C-alpha atoms as a PDB file:
ATOM      1  CA  MET A   1     -74.295 -12.544  27.891  1.00  0.00           C
ATOM      2  CA  PRO A   2     -71.282 -14.778  27.500  1.00  0.00           C
ATOM      3  CA  LYS A   3     -68.525 -14.363  29.933  1.00  0.00           C
ATOM      4  CA  TYR A   4     -64.819 -14.435  29.027  1.00  0.00           C
ATOM      5  CA  LEU A   5     -61.436 -14.507  30.641  1.00  0.00           C
ATOM      6  CA  TRP A   6     -58.711 -12.614  28.835  1.00  0.00           C
ATOM      7  CA  ARG A   7     -55.161 -13.551  29.608  1.00  0.00           C
ATOM      8  CA  VAL A   8     -52.779 -10.688  28.660  1.00  0.00           C
ATOM      9  CA  GLY A   9     -49.063 -10.533  28.235  1.00  0.00           C
ATOM     10  CA  TYR A  10     -47.457  -7.161  27.501  1.00  0.00           C
ATOM     11  CA  THR A  11     -44.953  -6.673  24.786  1.00  0.00           C
ATOM     12  CA  ALA A  12     -41.982  -4.352  25.517  1.00  0.00           C
ATOM     13  CA  GLU A  13     -43.882  -1.561  23.899  1.00  0.00           C
ATOM     14  CA  GLY A  14     -46.981  -2.330  25.958  1.00  0.00           C
ATOM     15  CA  ALA A  15     -44.968  -2.504  29.200  1.00  0.00           C
ATOM     16  CA  GLY A  16     -43.510   0.949  28.292  1.00  0.00           C
ATOM     17  CA  GLY A  17     -47.030   2.223  27.948  1.00  0.00           C
ATOM     18  CA  LEU A  18     -47.968   0.829  31.281  1.00  0.00           C
ATOM     19  CA  LEU A  19     -44.957   2.461  32.897  1.00  0.00           C
ATOM     20  CA  ALA A  20     -46.029   5.795  31.288  1.00  0.00           C
ATOM     21  CA  GLU A  21     -49.710   5.598  32.054  1.00  0.00           C
ATOM     22  CA  GLY A  22     -50.096   3.480  35.114  1.00  0.00           C
ATOM     23  CA  GLY A  23     -52.554   0.581  36.086  1.00  0.00           C
ATOM     24  CA  THR A  24     -55.715   2.521  36.503  1.00  0.00           C
ATOM     25  CA  ALA A  25     -55.472   4.255  33.132  1.00  0.00           C
ATOM     26  CA  ARG A  26     -54.851   0.869  31.468  1.00  0.00           C
ATOM     27  CA  ARG A  27     -58.012  -0.642  33.242  1.00  0.00           C
ATOM     28  CA  ASP A  28     -60.000   2.413  32.093  1.00  0.00           C
ATOM     29  CA  ALA A  29     -58.864   1.887  28.470  1.00  0.00           C
ATOM     30  CA  ILE A  30     -59.766  -1.839  28.700  1.00  0.00           C
ATOM     31  CA  ARG A  31     -63.194  -1.013  30.041  1.00  0.00           C
ATOM     32  CA  THR A  32     -63.739   1.440  27.154  1.00  0.00           C
ATOM     33  CA  ALA A  33     -62.686  -1.202  24.672  1.00  0.00           C
ATOM     34  CA  VAL A  34     -64.957  -3.846  26.198  1.00  0.00           C
ATOM     35  CA  GLU A  35     -67.843  -1.320  26.374  1.00  0.00           C
ATOM     36  CA  SER A  36     -67.300  -0.290  22.724  1.00  0.00           C
ATOM     37  CA  VAL A  37     -68.367  -3.828  21.658  1.00  0.00           C
ATOM     38  CA  GLY A  38     -71.353  -3.885  23.834  1.00  0.00           C
ATOM     39  CA  GLY A  39     -69.832  -5.546  26.942  1.00  0.00           C
ATOM     40  CA  THR A  40     -68.912  -4.888  30.493  1.00  0.00           C
ATOM     41  CA  VAL A  41     -65.782  -5.558  32.631  1.00  0.00           C
ATOM     42  CA  GLU A  42     -66.301  -7.447  35.965  1.00  0.00           C
ATOM     43  CA  CYS A  43     -62.770  -7.355  37.167  1.00  0.00           C
ATOM     44  CA  CYS A  44     -59.257  -6.462  36.001  1.00  0.00           C
ATOM     45  CA  TYR A  45     -56.169  -7.703  37.899  1.00  0.00           C
ATOM     46  CA  PHE A  46     -52.407  -7.287  37.154  1.00  0.00           C
ATOM     47  CA  ALA A  47     -50.246 -10.356  38.002  1.00  0.00           C
ATOM     48  CA  PHE A  48     -46.693 -11.686  38.200  1.00  0.00           C
ATOM     49  CA  GLY A  49     -45.729 -14.690  36.127  1.00  0.00           C
ATOM     50  CA  THR A  50     -46.494 -15.878  32.660  1.00  0.00           C
ATOM     51  CA  ASP A  51     -49.471 -13.345  32.355  1.00  0.00           C
ATOM     52  CA  ASP A  52     -49.353  -9.781  33.127  1.00  0.00           C
ATOM     53  CA  LEU A  53     -53.077  -9.106  33.388  1.00  0.00           C
ATOM     54  CA  TYR A  54     -56.349 -10.965  33.719  1.00  0.00           C
ATOM     55  CA  VAL A  55     -59.646  -9.460  32.800  1.00  0.00           C
ATOM     56  CA  ILE A  56     -63.017 -11.045  33.217  1.00  0.00           C
ATOM     57  CA  GLY A  57     -65.966  -9.546  31.550  1.00  0.00           C
ATOM     58  CA  ASP A  58     -69.087 -10.100  29.311  1.00  0.00           C
ATOM     59  CA  VAL A  59     -69.432  -9.429  25.691  1.00  0.00           C
ATOM     60  CA  PRO A  60     -72.465 -10.092  23.400  1.00  0.00           C
ATOM     61  CA  ASP A  61     -71.042 -12.925  21.443  1.00  0.00           C
ATOM     62  CA  ALA A  62     -67.851 -14.634  19.942  1.00  0.00           C
ATOM     63  CA  VAL A  63     -67.708 -12.082  17.187  1.00  0.00           C
ATOM     64  CA  ALA A  64     -67.447  -9.174  19.695  1.00  0.00           C
ATOM     65  CA  ALA A  65     -64.695 -11.143  21.427  1.00  0.00           C
ATOM     66  CA  ALA A  66     -62.877 -11.711  18.201  1.00  0.00           C
ATOM     67  CA  ALA A  67     -63.178  -7.911  17.314  1.00  0.00           C
ATOM     68  CA  MET A  68     -61.445  -7.069  20.563  1.00  0.00           C
ATOM     69  CA  SER A  69     -58.736  -9.783  20.054  1.00  0.00           C
ATOM     70  CA  ILE A  70     -57.916  -8.679  16.468  1.00  0.00           C
ATOM     71  CA  ARG A  71     -57.708  -4.992  17.552  1.00  0.00           C
ATOM     72  CA  THR A  72     -55.432  -5.897  20.479  1.00  0.00           C
ATOM     73  CA  ALA A  73     -53.186  -7.949  18.251  1.00  0.00           C
ATOM     74  CA  ALA A  74     -52.952  -5.359  15.601  1.00  0.00           C
ATOM     75  CA  ALA A  75     -51.988  -2.617  18.015  1.00  0.00           C
ATOM     76  CA  GLY A  76     -48.914  -4.627  19.086  1.00  0.00           C
ATOM     77  CA  GLY A  77     -48.821  -3.784  22.796  1.00  0.00           C
ATOM     78  CA  ALA A  78     -49.906  -7.035  24.098  1.00  0.00           C
ATOM     79  CA  HIS A  79     -50.899 -10.520  23.200  1.00  0.00           C
ATOM     80  CA  THR A  80     -54.032 -12.115  24.565  1.00  0.00           C
ATOM     81  CA  GLU A  81     -55.726 -15.408  24.985  1.00  0.00           C
ATOM     82  CA  THR A  82     -59.528 -15.262  25.117  1.00  0.00           C
ATOM     83  CA  ILE A  83     -61.145 -18.044  27.167  1.00  0.00           C
ATOM     84  CA  ALA A  84     -64.904 -18.569  27.134  1.00  0.00           C
ATOM     85  CA  LEU A  85     -66.236 -19.145  30.687  1.00  0.00           C
ATOM     86  CA  LEU A  86     -69.279 -21.259  31.628  1.00  0.00           C
ATOM     87  CA  THR A  87     -71.503 -21.205  34.592  1.00  0.00           C
ATOM     88  CA  PRO A  88     -72.382 -24.395  36.586  1.00  0.00           C
ATOM     89  CA  ALA A  89     -75.872 -24.187  35.111  1.00  0.00           C
ATOM     90  CA  GLU A  90     -74.491 -24.054  31.620  1.00  0.00           C
ATOM     91  CA  ILE A  91     -72.463 -27.266  32.391  1.00  0.00           C
ATOM     92  CA  ASP A  92     -75.637 -28.821  33.656  1.00  0.00           C
ATOM     93  CA  GLU A  93     -77.375 -28.134  30.294  1.00  0.00           C
ATOM     94  CA  ALA A  94     -74.259 -29.381  28.407  1.00  0.00           C
ATOM     95  CA  VAL A  95     -74.239 -32.696  30.155  1.00  0.00           C
ATOM     96  CA  LYS A  96     -77.959 -33.220  29.364  1.00  0.00           C
ATOM     97  CA  ARG A  97     -77.457 -32.390  25.582  1.00  0.00           C
ATOM     98  CA  PRO A  98     -76.911 -35.509  23.393  1.00  0.00           C
ATOM     99  CA  ALA A  99     -73.669 -35.672  21.390  1.00  0.00           C
ATOM    100  CA  ASP A 100     -72.328 -38.673  19.462  1.00  0.00           C
ATOM    101  CA  TYR A 101     -68.735 -39.341  20.257  1.00  0.00           C
ATOM    102  CA  ARG A 102     -66.508 -42.443  19.650  1.00  0.00           C
ATOM    103  CA  PRO A 103     -63.082 -42.486  21.277  1.00  0.00           C
ATOM    104  CA  PRO A 104     -60.145 -43.246  19.146  1.00  0.00           C
ATOM    105  CA  GLY A 105     -59.652 -47.059  18.471  1.00  0.00           C
ATOM    106  CA  ARG A 106     -63.127 -48.137  19.504  1.00  0.00           C
END
């Protein structure tokens, strides 16, 4: 199953919800959302800086990841960036797969 990293930044409304509910309740809600599209959460960490939260998990495919992204954006409490993660074995497969590419100007 494909693995993803979600970078999350809370809006003012989302931060207010976090203040009201706490971190573990938010983690549980995220787990429920990921499981609703057939996935699992590996880990969930709150952070300081540009991003407020990082989630790593598996979902069946890009359509499932998009479904979560669309619902999150529509709810208005957070903005997310979805990043597909690859294993070292997947990179081994990628470097063996032929692909025609010409750099600009050559």
